[in-house]
Protein backbone atom coordinates (compact mmCIF):
# COMPACT_ATOMS: atom_id res chain seq x y z
CA MET A 1 0.00 0.00 0.00
CA GLY A 2 1.62 3.19 -1.11
CA LEU A 3 2.02 6.31 1.06
CA LEU A 4 -0.76 8.81 0.83
CA ARG A 5 0.74 12.16 0.00
CA ILE A 6 -1.26 15.31 0.32
CA MET A 7 0.21 17.97 -1.88
CA MET A 8 -0.88 21.56 -1.19
CA PRO A 9 -1.05 23.93 -4.12
CA PRO A 10 1.74 26.58 -4.09
CA LYS A 11 -0.72 29.38 -3.37
CA LEU A 12 -2.04 27.59 -0.29
CA GLN A 13 1.51 26.93 0.91
CA LEU A 14 2.30 30.64 0.62
CA LEU A 15 -0.90 31.56 2.48
CA ALA A 16 -0.03 29.09 5.24
CA VAL A 17 3.44 30.61 5.67
CA VAL A 18 2.01 34.12 5.75
CA ALA A 19 -0.67 33.09 8.25
CA PHE A 20 1.97 31.49 10.48
CA ALA A 21 4.17 34.62 10.33
CA VAL A 22 1.22 36.87 11.17
CA ALA A 23 0.32 34.63 14.10
CA MET A 24 3.89 34.76 15.42
CA LEU A 25 4.00 38.56 15.12
CA PHE A 26 0.68 38.80 16.94
CA LEU A 27 1.96 36.60 19.77
CA GLU A 28 5.19 38.59 20.04
CA ASN A 29 3.19 41.80 20.16
CA GLN A 30 0.94 40.45 22.91
CA ILE A 31 3.95 39.25 24.92
CA GLN A 32 5.56 42.68 24.57
CA LYS A 33 2.35 44.35 25.77
CA LEU A 34 2.23 42.04 28.77
CA GLU A 35 5.85 42.89 29.60
CA GLU A 36 5.11 46.61 29.35
CA SER A 37 2.04 46.22 31.56
CA ARG A 38 4.06 44.30 34.14
CA SER A 39 6.75 46.99 34.11
CA LYS A 40 4.16 49.77 34.53
CA LEU A 41 2.55 47.90 37.40
CA GLU A 42 5.92 47.46 39.15
CA ARG A 43 6.69 51.17 38.75
CA ALA A 44 3.23 52.14 40.04
CA ILE A 45 3.67 49.92 43.11
CA ALA A 46 7.16 51.35 43.70
CA ARG A 47 5.91 54.94 43.39
CA HIS A 48 3.10 54.17 45.82
CA GLU A 49 5.56 52.73 48.35
CA VAL A 50 7.85 55.76 48.01
CA ARG A 51 4.89 58.13 48.55
CA GLU A 52 3.87 56.21 51.66
CA ILE A 53 7.38 56.46 53.08
CA GLU A 54 7.63 60.17 52.25
CA GLN A 55 4.27 60.81 53.93
CA ARG A 56 5.35 58.82 56.98
CA HIS A 57 8.58 60.82 57.28
CA THR A 58 6.64 64.08 56.85
CA MET A 59 4.41 63.10 59.76
CA ASP A 60 7.35 61.92 61.88
CA GLY A 61 9.61 64.96 61.49
CA PRO A 62 11.05 67.83 59.44
CA ARG A 63 13.10 65.79 56.99
CA GLN A 64 11.30 67.16 53.96
CA ASP A 65 11.91 70.71 55.16
CA ALA A 66 15.58 69.85 55.63
CA ALA A 67 15.77 68.74 52.00
CA LEU A 68 14.27 72.03 50.88
CA ASP A 69 16.72 73.93 53.05
CA GLU A 70 19.55 72.03 51.41
CA GLU A 71 18.47 73.31 47.99
CA GLU A 72 18.13 76.87 49.27
CA ASP A 73 21.64 76.63 50.75
CA MET A 74 23.17 75.87 47.34
CA VAL A 75 26.10 77.90 45.99
CA ILE A 76 27.51 77.67 42.45
CA ILE A 77 30.93 79.02 41.50
CA TYR A 78 31.67 79.67 37.84
CA ASN A 79 35.40 80.46 37.79
CA ARG A 80 35.23 81.59 34.21
CA VAL A 81 38.19 81.37 31.83
CA PRO A 82 38.59 84.57 29.73
CA LYS A 83 37.28 84.47 26.14
CA THR A 84 35.34 81.23 26.39
CA ALA A 85 31.84 82.76 25.94
CA SER A 86 31.76 83.35 29.69
CA THR A 87 29.93 86.69 29.45
CA SER A 88 27.29 85.16 27.17
CA PHE A 89 26.62 82.41 29.69
CA THR A 90 26.73 84.71 32.71
CA ASN A 91 24.11 86.97 31.11
CA ILE A 92 21.71 84.03 31.23
CA ALA A 93 22.29 83.68 34.97
CA TYR A 94 21.54 87.39 35.43
CA ASP A 95 18.40 87.20 33.31
CA LEU A 96 17.03 84.25 35.30
CA CYS A 97 17.99 85.24 38.86
CA ALA A 98 14.84 87.26 39.66
CA LYS A 99 12.48 84.70 38.18
CA ASN A 100 14.21 81.69 39.77
CA LYS A 101 14.91 83.54 43.04
CA TYR A 102 18.65 83.33 43.54
CA HIS A 103 21.47 85.88 43.77
CA VAL A 104 24.25 86.53 41.23
CA LEU A 105 27.54 88.04 42.40
CA HIS A 106 30.59 89.00 40.34
CA ILE A 107 33.98 88.28 41.94
CA ASN A 108 36.08 91.27 40.88
CA THR A 109 39.77 90.77 41.67
CA THR A 110 42.39 93.53 41.44
CA LYS A 111 43.90 93.62 37.93
CA ASN A 112 41.93 90.44 37.15
CA ASN A 113 44.52 88.43 39.08
CA PRO A 114 43.23 84.82 39.14
CA VAL A 115 45.35 83.91 42.19
CA MET A 116 44.11 85.11 45.58
CA SER A 117 46.34 85.82 48.57
CA LEU A 118 46.05 83.35 51.43
CA GLN A 119 44.14 85.86 53.56
CA ASP A 120 41.76 86.60 50.69
CA GLN A 121 41.19 82.88 50.22
CA VAL A 122 40.09 82.65 53.86
CA ARG A 123 37.80 85.68 53.49
CA PHE A 124 36.32 84.34 50.26
CA VAL A 125 35.61 80.88 51.69
CA LYS A 126 34.01 82.45 54.76
CA ASN A 127 31.83 84.73 52.60
CA ILE A 128 30.68 81.92 50.34
CA THR A 129 29.77 79.54 53.13
CA SER A 130 28.28 81.86 55.76
CA TRP A 131 26.63 84.68 53.79
CA LYS A 132 23.11 83.33 54.21
CA GLU A 133 21.41 86.41 52.76
CA MET A 134 23.04 85.65 49.40
CA LYS A 135 21.92 82.03 49.22
CA PRO A 136 21.13 80.40 46.92
CA GLY A 137 23.97 82.12 45.11
CA PHE A 138 25.72 82.09 41.74
CA TYR A 139 29.26 83.52 41.93
CA HIS A 140 31.32 84.20 38.81
CA GLY A 141 34.72 85.67 38.14
CA HIS A 142 38.15 85.14 36.58
CA ILE A 143 39.67 83.17 39.46
CA SER A 144 41.47 79.85 39.51
CA TYR A 145 40.00 76.83 41.26
CA LEU A 146 40.05 77.00 45.05
CA ASP A 147 39.79 73.82 47.13
CA PHE A 148 37.29 74.60 49.90
CA SER A 149 38.04 71.37 51.78
CA LYS A 150 41.43 72.83 52.79
CA PHE A 151 39.58 75.33 54.97
CA GLY A 152 37.56 72.82 56.94
CA VAL A 153 34.13 73.75 55.61
CA LYS A 154 31.34 71.21 55.89
CA LYS A 155 29.72 71.88 52.53
CA LYS A 156 31.63 72.76 49.38
CA PRO A 157 30.15 74.87 46.55
CA ILE A 158 29.30 73.44 43.15
CA TYR A 159 31.91 74.30 40.51
CA ILE A 160 31.04 74.65 36.83
CA ASN A 161 33.04 76.01 33.89
CA VAL A 162 33.41 76.26 30.11
CA ILE A 163 36.61 75.89 28.09
CA ARG A 164 37.51 76.51 24.48
CA ASP A 165 39.88 75.35 21.75
CA PRO A 166 43.22 76.84 22.95
CA ILE A 167 44.21 78.59 19.73
CA GLU A 168 40.73 79.98 19.11
CA ARG A 169 40.65 81.31 22.66
CA LEU A 170 44.07 83.01 22.25
CA VAL A 171 43.12 84.56 18.91
CA SER A 172 39.91 85.94 20.41
CA TYR A 173 41.79 87.37 23.39
CA TYR A 174 44.46 88.91 21.14
CA TYR A 175 41.90 90.91 19.14
CA PHE A 176 39.81 91.66 22.23
CA LEU A 177 42.78 93.53 23.77
CA ARG A 178 43.05 95.66 20.62
CA PHE A 179 39.49 96.21 19.44
CA GLY A 180 37.22 95.18 22.32
CA ASP A 181 33.81 93.73 21.58
CA ASP A 182 30.21 94.72 20.96
CA TYR A 183 29.35 94.39 24.66
CA ARG A 184 31.08 97.66 25.69
CA PRO A 185 32.24 99.16 22.38
CA GLY A 186 33.26 102.53 23.83
CA LEU A 187 35.67 101.13 26.41
CA ARG A 188 39.35 101.74 25.62
CA ARG A 189 41.33 98.52 25.58
CA ARG A 190 44.90 97.99 26.74
CA LYS A 191 46.35 97.38 23.26
CA GLN A 192 44.05 99.75 21.39
CA GLY A 193 45.78 101.30 18.38
CA ASP A 194 47.89 98.23 17.62
CA LYS A 195 46.72 97.16 14.14
CA LYS A 196 49.03 94.17 13.84
CA THR A 197 47.18 90.99 12.91
CA PHE A 198 47.58 87.76 14.84
CA ASP A 199 49.34 86.21 11.83
CA GLU A 200 51.86 89.07 11.76
CA CYS A 201 52.42 88.76 15.49
CA VAL A 202 53.21 85.05 15.25
CA ALA A 203 55.45 85.54 12.23
CA GLU A 204 57.45 88.20 14.11
CA GLY A 205 57.59 86.18 17.33
CA GLY A 206 55.59 88.75 19.33
CA SER A 207 54.95 88.28 23.04
CA ASP A 208 51.17 88.68 22.88
CA CYS A 209 50.82 85.62 20.65
CA ALA A 210 53.65 83.50 22.07
CA PRO A 211 52.89 79.86 22.96
CA GLU A 212 53.25 80.78 26.65
CA LYS A 213 50.03 82.81 26.31
CA LEU A 214 48.20 79.57 25.62
CA TRP A 215 48.88 78.45 29.20
CA LEU A 216 45.68 79.55 30.91
CA GLN A 217 42.95 76.91 30.99
CA ILE A 218 45.17 74.35 32.72
CA PRO A 219 46.17 76.65 35.61
CA PHE A 220 42.56 77.86 36.01
CA PHE A 221 41.51 74.27 36.70
CA CYS A 222 44.69 73.33 38.54
CA GLY A 223 44.25 75.99 41.22
CA HIS A 224 46.29 78.05 43.65
CA SER A 225 49.40 75.88 43.92
CA SER A 226 52.61 77.45 42.62
CA GLU A 227 53.24 74.56 40.24
CA CYS A 228 49.91 75.27 38.51
CA TRP A 229 51.37 78.47 37.08
CA ASN A 230 54.69 76.99 35.92
CA VAL A 231 54.22 77.06 32.16
CA GLY A 232 54.38 73.58 30.67
CA SER A 233 54.13 71.70 33.97
CA ARG A 234 52.98 68.11 33.50
CA TRP A 235 51.96 67.98 37.17
CA ALA A 236 49.71 71.01 36.63
CA MET A 237 47.93 69.35 33.72
CA ASP A 238 47.40 66.11 35.66
CA GLN A 239 46.02 68.09 38.61
CA ALA A 240 43.74 70.06 36.28
CA LYS A 241 42.37 66.82 34.86
CA TYR A 242 41.82 65.43 38.34
CA ASN A 243 39.95 68.54 39.45
CA LEU A 244 37.83 68.60 36.30
CA VAL A 245 36.61 65.06 36.92
CA ASN A 246 36.37 65.10 40.72
CA GLU A 247 35.69 68.69 41.76
CA TYR A 248 33.56 70.11 38.93
CA PHE A 249 29.87 69.32 38.56
CA LEU A 250 29.95 70.01 34.81
CA VAL A 251 32.46 71.50 32.36
CA GLY A 252 31.20 72.44 28.91
CA VAL A 253 32.92 73.68 25.77
CA THR A 254 32.31 76.96 23.96
CA GLU A 255 31.65 75.17 20.70
CA GLU A 256 28.70 73.28 22.26
CA LEU A 257 27.43 75.90 24.71
CA GLU A 258 23.74 75.24 24.13
CA ASP A 259 24.13 71.58 25.11
CA PHE A 260 25.99 72.66 28.26
CA ILE A 261 23.11 74.95 29.20
CA MET A 262 20.56 72.23 28.46
CA LEU A 263 22.33 69.78 30.78
CA LEU A 264 22.54 72.38 33.55
CA GLU A 265 18.82 73.11 33.27
CA ALA A 266 18.00 69.41 33.51
CA ALA A 267 20.33 68.77 36.47
CA LEU A 268 20.05 72.06 38.41
CA PRO A 269 16.60 73.50 37.64
CA ARG A 270 16.67 75.54 40.87
CA PHE A 271 19.04 77.90 39.06
CA PHE A 272 18.68 77.18 35.35
CA ARG A 273 14.98 76.58 34.75
CA GLY A 274 14.20 78.32 31.45
CA ALA A 275 17.86 78.76 30.48
CA THR A 276 17.77 76.73 27.26
CA GLU A 277 14.82 78.63 25.81
CA LEU A 278 16.38 81.92 26.87
CA TYR A 279 19.65 81.03 25.15
CA ARG A 280 17.87 80.07 21.94
CA THR A 281 15.59 83.10 21.76
CA GLY A 282 17.22 85.80 23.85
CA LYS A 283 19.44 88.60 22.56
CA LYS A 284 21.90 88.89 25.43
CA SER A 285 23.15 85.33 25.12
CA HIS A 286 24.54 86.11 21.67
CA LEU A 287 25.59 89.64 22.49
CA ARG A 288 29.33 89.57 23.09
CA LYS A 289 31.45 89.15 19.98
CA THR A 290 35.05 90.28 19.59
CA THR A 291 35.27 92.88 16.81
CA GLU A 292 37.82 93.02 13.98
CA LYS A 293 38.82 89.41 14.59
CA LYS A 294 40.65 87.77 11.67
CA LEU A 295 41.01 84.01 11.53
CA PRO A 296 44.65 82.83 11.53
CA THR A 297 46.14 81.09 8.51
CA LYS A 298 46.98 77.40 8.42
CA GLN A 299 50.67 78.34 8.59
CA THR A 300 50.13 80.31 11.79
CA ILE A 301 48.16 77.49 13.38
CA ALA A 302 50.79 74.92 12.37
CA LYS A 303 53.54 77.03 13.93
CA LEU A 304 51.72 77.28 17.27
CA GLN A 305 50.93 73.58 17.22
CA GLN A 306 54.64 72.78 17.20
CA SER A 307 54.99 73.98 20.78
CA ASP A 308 54.79 71.62 23.76
CA ILE A 309 52.57 74.16 25.54
CA TRP A 310 49.93 73.93 22.82
CA LYS A 311 50.13 70.13 22.92
CA MET A 312 49.43 70.12 26.67
CA GLU A 313 46.64 72.71 26.55
CA ASN A 314 45.08 70.89 23.61
CA GLU A 315 45.35 67.55 25.42
CA PHE A 316 43.49 69.08 28.36
CA TYR A 317 40.86 70.55 26.05
CA GLU A 318 40.34 67.21 24.30
CA PHE A 319 40.09 65.51 27.70
CA ALA A 320 37.40 67.98 28.81
CA LEU A 321 35.54 67.62 25.51
CA GLU A 322 35.51 63.82 25.77
CA GLN A 323 34.23 64.01 29.34
CA PHE A 324 31.48 66.46 28.37
CA GLN A 325 30.37 64.37 25.39
CA PHE A 326 30.29 61.25 27.58
CA ILE A 327 27.99 62.98 30.08
CA ARG A 328 25.80 64.33 27.29
CA ALA A 329 25.51 60.92 25.60
CA HIS A 330 24.05 59.47 28.81
CA ALA A 331 21.67 62.37 29.43
CA VAL A 332 20.01 63.11 26.08
CA ARG A 333 18.61 61.43 23.02
CA GLU A 334 18.52 62.74 19.46
CA LYS A 335 15.38 62.88 17.36
CA ASP A 336 15.09 64.60 13.98
CA GLY A 337 18.31 66.47 14.58
CA ASP A 338 17.24 67.87 17.97
CA LEU A 339 18.39 66.82 21.43
CA TYR A 340 15.94 65.90 24.18
CA ILE A 341 16.70 65.34 27.85
CA LEU A 342 16.04 61.76 28.94
CA ALA A 343 13.36 61.14 31.54
CA GLN A 344 14.26 59.46 34.83
CA ASN A 345 15.60 55.99 34.04
CA PHE A 346 15.60 54.47 37.52
CA PHE A 347 13.03 53.78 40.20
CA TYR A 348 12.93 52.19 43.64
CA GLU A 349 11.37 48.85 44.43
CA LYS A 350 11.42 46.08 47.06
CA ILE A 351 11.22 48.68 49.80
CA TYR A 352 11.26 47.22 53.32
CA PRO A 353 9.97 47.20 55.95
CA LYS A 354 6.49 47.37 54.49
CA SER A 355 4.13 50.00 55.84
CA ASN A 356 1.05 48.76 57.69
């Protein structure tokens, strides 16, 4: 007796395959929906448990008030490096201070000296930590990093900063000393009247464009130690890197200033709520531009890049840029060419002991 073979027509075979694929997709979709529902349920239970605990602590004592006091006690120091868009960023802080209810104070040092005397360091630390009427406070000025832990304070301020490509920063500063900017156009600058271009200065070996003038961002982050201001010090660069990672809340770059502001608004809304929109639409944020600035030639740039000082300052800049981009990559997502801050990606669960 021969085997009975049932042969399906090709069209029916194709329909059977399609039907099977559709069924599998449907099942996968249902499983995914179940997983999403389970996840939502877990989050809802966790949120409920957290609310119960928060309510219990509110009834038991003033812990919630203490948390609010902590936020009102906050102090930010922006020890701004010259010619890194610092005035543009600081204008945002001034524009927001009344609305967000904090104080802005400019640290004006004699002759813009970034290094404070020991006695001034003590005075400054005391002011910052005990001046309650000025809290929450945003302090800004051209001063190098100061380690508050050396003075025995219980709570250190939050440091932030912005740095820039070393050669671009030096070129901007060179022309700023000669022609000023559109922020205070009538102010007479120290080198006013000198028409020499940056290219001519480098070709002639002038002092205002010498590689030593590049040495600024490293010592600003390094601090008040004498070695920080020894031009070309490897120890100073290593210390600057350490401080950037361990002592600064966030360091942005001039070339990506808007992203820096967006991250600050997401992380520190007490100060920076509304900052991103203000930067995008406001006039002051784009106000300060150095006038008469001429871009250097490739030959000029190549000559500066031969120096060890440029190599160290550029290494520090690239280090800061990599750190900033790493932080940004974990805080935002891109959609249609725009960046969006990620929502909270953690929650609490399995909270014990259970409330009755």
